[in-house]
Amino acid sequence: IPEICDKDGQKLIQRQDDKPDTFLKRLKVFKEETLPLVQYYRQKNKLFEVDGMQNISQVTNLILKVLETEQK
């Protein structure tokens, strides 16, 4: 059934954020506004990337390590 979740049988609701045109607009904004900042801070060696797919404690520890290093 198209509007029912296969896992829990609940009615599926499509948020505005889930629609393709909304995604494309957000991607455009990211490329125009956020990506230049990422590139700027990467060039200044001030961008630190953390793999957010790790468990919470690993992510937290990596972030804290970066912050401690930067405070010195």
N, C-alpha and C. Protein backbone atom coordinates (compact mmCIF):
# COMPACT_ATOMS: atom_id res chain seq x y z
N ILE A 1 0.87 -1.17 0.00
CA ILE A 1 0.00 0.00 0.00
C ILE A 1 0.91 1.23 0.00
N PRO A 2 0.74 2.12 -0.97
CA PRO A 2 1.67 3.23 -1.15
C PRO A 2 1.81 4.21 0.03
N GLU A 3 0.75 4.48 0.78
CA GLU A 3 0.83 5.49 1.83
C GLU A 3 0.93 4.90 3.24
N ILE A 4 1.31 3.62 3.31
CA ILE A 4 1.43 2.93 4.60
C ILE A 4 2.87 2.44 4.77
N CYS A 5 3.44 2.64 5.95
CA CYS A 5 4.80 2.19 6.26
C CYS A 5 4.85 0.67 6.27
N ASP A 6 5.84 0.11 5.57
CA ASP A 6 6.02 -1.34 5.51
C ASP A 6 6.41 -1.92 6.87
N LYS A 7 7.06 -1.14 7.72
CA LYS A 7 7.56 -1.66 8.99
C LYS A 7 6.53 -1.62 10.11
N ASP A 8 5.83 -0.49 10.27
CA ASP A 8 4.92 -0.39 11.42
C ASP A 8 3.45 -0.19 11.05
N GLY A 9 3.14 -0.11 9.75
CA GLY A 9 1.76 0.00 9.32
C GLY A 9 1.13 1.37 9.52
N GLN A 10 1.93 2.34 9.94
CA GLN A 10 1.42 3.70 10.15
C GLN A 10 1.32 4.43 8.82
N LYS A 11 0.46 5.45 8.79
CA LYS A 11 0.30 6.27 7.59
C LYS A 11 1.58 7.08 7.38
N LEU A 12 2.07 7.10 6.14
CA LEU A 12 3.26 7.87 5.81
C LEU A 12 2.86 9.32 5.56
N ILE A 13 3.69 10.21 6.06
CA ILE A 13 3.46 11.64 5.87
C ILE A 13 4.70 12.20 5.18
N GLN A 14 4.49 12.93 4.08
CA GLN A 14 5.62 13.54 3.39
C GLN A 14 5.78 14.98 3.87
N ARG A 15 6.94 15.26 4.46
CA ARG A 15 7.23 16.61 4.91
C ARG A 15 7.67 17.45 3.72
N GLN A 16 7.59 18.77 3.86
CA GLN A 16 8.07 19.66 2.81
C GLN A 16 9.54 19.38 2.52
N ASP A 17 10.31 19.10 3.58
CA ASP A 17 11.75 18.85 3.42
C ASP A 17 12.04 17.60 2.59
N ASP A 18 11.07 16.70 2.48
CA ASP A 18 11.28 15.45 1.76
C ASP A 18 11.06 15.58 0.26
N LYS A 19 10.52 16.69 -0.16
CA LYS A 19 10.16 16.84 -1.58
C LYS A 19 11.40 17.20 -2.40
N PRO A 20 11.48 16.68 -3.63
CA PRO A 20 12.66 16.91 -4.46
C PRO A 20 12.98 18.38 -4.69
N ASP A 21 11.98 19.22 -4.92
CA ASP A 21 12.27 20.63 -5.18
C ASP A 21 12.86 21.32 -3.94
N THR A 22 12.41 20.93 -2.76
CA THR A 22 12.97 21.48 -1.52
C THR A 22 14.42 21.05 -1.36
N PHE A 23 14.68 19.79 -1.64
CA PHE A 23 16.05 19.28 -1.56
C PHE A 23 16.96 20.03 -2.52
N LEU A 24 16.51 20.24 -3.75
CA LEU A 24 17.34 20.94 -4.74
C LEU A 24 17.61 22.38 -4.32
N LYS A 25 16.63 23.04 -3.73
CA LYS A 25 16.84 24.41 -3.24
C LYS A 25 17.87 24.43 -2.12
N ARG A 26 17.77 23.48 -1.21
CA ARG A 26 18.73 23.42 -0.10
C ARG A 26 20.14 23.10 -0.60
N LEU A 27 20.23 22.24 -1.59
CA LEU A 27 21.53 21.91 -2.16
C LEU A 27 22.14 23.14 -2.83
N LYS A 28 21.33 23.92 -3.50
CA LYS A 28 21.79 25.16 -4.14
C LYS A 28 22.31 26.14 -3.09
N VAL A 29 21.57 26.31 -2.01
CA VAL A 29 22.01 27.20 -0.93
C VAL A 29 23.31 26.69 -0.33
N PHE A 30 23.42 25.39 -0.13
CA PHE A 30 24.65 24.81 0.41
C PHE A 30 25.83 25.15 -0.48
N LYS A 31 25.67 24.94 -1.78
CA LYS A 31 26.77 25.20 -2.72
C LYS A 31 27.15 26.67 -2.76
N GLU A 32 26.16 27.55 -2.65
CA GLU A 32 26.42 28.99 -2.76
C GLU A 32 26.92 29.61 -1.45
N GLU A 33 26.42 29.14 -0.31
CA GLU A 33 26.71 29.81 0.95
C GLU A 33 27.61 29.01 1.89
N THR A 34 27.40 27.73 1.98
CA THR A 34 28.15 26.93 2.95
C THR A 34 29.46 26.42 2.37
N LEU A 35 29.44 25.92 1.17
CA LEU A 35 30.65 25.35 0.57
C LEU A 35 31.82 26.34 0.53
N PRO A 36 31.59 27.62 0.19
CA PRO A 36 32.72 28.57 0.24
C PRO A 36 33.32 28.70 1.64
N LEU A 37 32.50 28.63 2.68
CA LEU A 37 33.01 28.68 4.05
C LEU A 37 33.84 27.45 4.37
N VAL A 38 33.37 26.31 3.95
CA VAL A 38 34.11 25.06 4.16
C VAL A 38 35.48 25.17 3.48
N GLN A 39 35.49 25.64 2.25
CA GLN A 39 36.75 25.77 1.52
C GLN A 39 37.67 26.79 2.18
N TYR A 40 37.13 27.90 2.64
CA TYR A 40 37.92 28.93 3.31
C TYR A 40 38.61 28.37 4.55
N TYR A 41 37.84 27.73 5.42
CA TYR A 41 38.42 27.20 6.65
C TYR A 41 39.34 26.02 6.40
N ARG A 42 39.09 25.26 5.36
CA ARG A 42 40.00 24.17 5.00
C ARG A 42 41.36 24.74 4.59
N GLN A 43 41.35 25.81 3.79
CA GLN A 43 42.61 26.44 3.35
C GLN A 43 43.38 27.02 4.53
N LYS A 44 42.68 27.48 5.55
CA LYS A 44 43.32 28.06 6.74
C LYS A 44 43.71 26.98 7.76
N ASN A 45 43.48 25.72 7.39
CA ASN A 45 43.71 24.59 8.31
C ASN A 45 42.92 24.74 9.60
N LYS A 46 41.72 25.26 9.49
CA LYS A 46 40.84 25.45 10.64
C LYS A 46 39.56 24.63 10.53
N LEU A 47 39.52 23.75 9.56
CA LEU A 47 38.35 22.89 9.39
C LEU A 47 38.71 21.50 9.89
N PHE A 48 37.92 21.02 10.82
CA PHE A 48 38.13 19.69 11.36
C PHE A 48 36.90 18.86 11.07
N GLU A 49 37.10 17.75 10.41
CA GLU A 49 35.97 16.90 10.04
C GLU A 49 35.94 15.67 10.93
N VAL A 50 34.74 15.33 11.37
CA VAL A 50 34.53 14.18 12.23
C VAL A 50 33.49 13.28 11.57
N ASP A 51 33.77 12.00 11.52
CA ASP A 51 32.83 11.03 10.97
C ASP A 51 31.67 10.86 11.95
N GLY A 52 30.55 11.46 11.63
CA GLY A 52 29.39 11.41 12.51
C GLY A 52 28.67 10.07 12.50
N MET A 53 29.14 9.11 11.71
CA MET A 53 28.51 7.80 11.66
C MET A 53 29.05 6.86 12.74
N GLN A 54 30.04 7.32 13.48
CA GLN A 54 30.56 6.53 14.59
C GLN A 54 29.58 6.63 15.76
N ASN A 55 29.85 5.85 16.81
CA ASN A 55 28.93 5.94 17.95
C ASN A 55 29.12 7.28 18.67
N ILE A 56 28.15 7.65 19.47
CA ILE A 56 28.11 8.97 20.09
C ILE A 56 29.36 9.27 20.92
N SER A 57 29.82 8.30 21.68
CA SER A 57 30.98 8.57 22.53
C SER A 57 32.24 8.80 21.70
N GLN A 58 32.38 8.09 20.60
CA GLN A 58 33.55 8.30 19.73
C GLN A 58 33.51 9.69 19.11
N VAL A 59 32.34 10.09 18.62
CA VAL A 59 32.20 11.42 18.01
C VAL A 59 32.49 12.49 19.06
N THR A 60 31.92 12.33 20.24
CA THR A 60 32.14 13.30 21.32
C THR A 60 33.62 13.41 21.66
N ASN A 61 34.28 12.28 21.80
CA ASN A 61 35.71 12.28 22.13
C ASN A 61 36.55 12.97 21.06
N LEU A 62 36.23 12.73 19.80
CA LEU A 62 36.97 13.38 18.72
C LEU A 62 36.76 14.89 18.74
N ILE A 63 35.53 15.32 18.95
CA ILE A 63 35.24 16.76 19.01
C ILE A 63 35.98 17.39 20.19
N LEU A 64 35.92 16.76 21.34
CA LEU A 64 36.61 17.29 22.52
C LEU A 64 38.12 17.36 22.31
N LYS A 65 38.67 16.37 21.64
CA LYS A 65 40.11 16.36 21.36
C LYS A 65 40.48 17.54 20.47
N VAL A 66 39.68 17.80 19.45
CA VAL A 66 39.94 18.94 18.56
C VAL A 66 39.85 20.25 19.34
N LEU A 67 38.82 20.39 20.16
CA LEU A 67 38.64 21.62 20.94
C LEU A 67 39.79 21.83 21.92
N GLU A 68 40.23 20.77 22.56
CA GLU A 68 41.36 20.87 23.50
C GLU A 68 42.63 21.30 22.77
N THR A 69 42.86 20.73 21.61
CA THR A 69 44.04 21.05 20.81
C THR A 69 44.02 22.52 20.39
N GLU A 70 42.86 23.01 20.00
CA GLU A 70 42.73 24.38 19.53
C GLU A 70 42.85 25.41 20.65
N GLN A 71 42.57 25.01 21.86
CA GLN A 71 42.67 25.94 22.99
C GLN A 71 44.11 26.16 23.43
N LYS A 72 45.00 25.29 23.02
CA LYS A 72 46.41 25.39 23.44
C LYS A 72 47.15 26.43 22.64
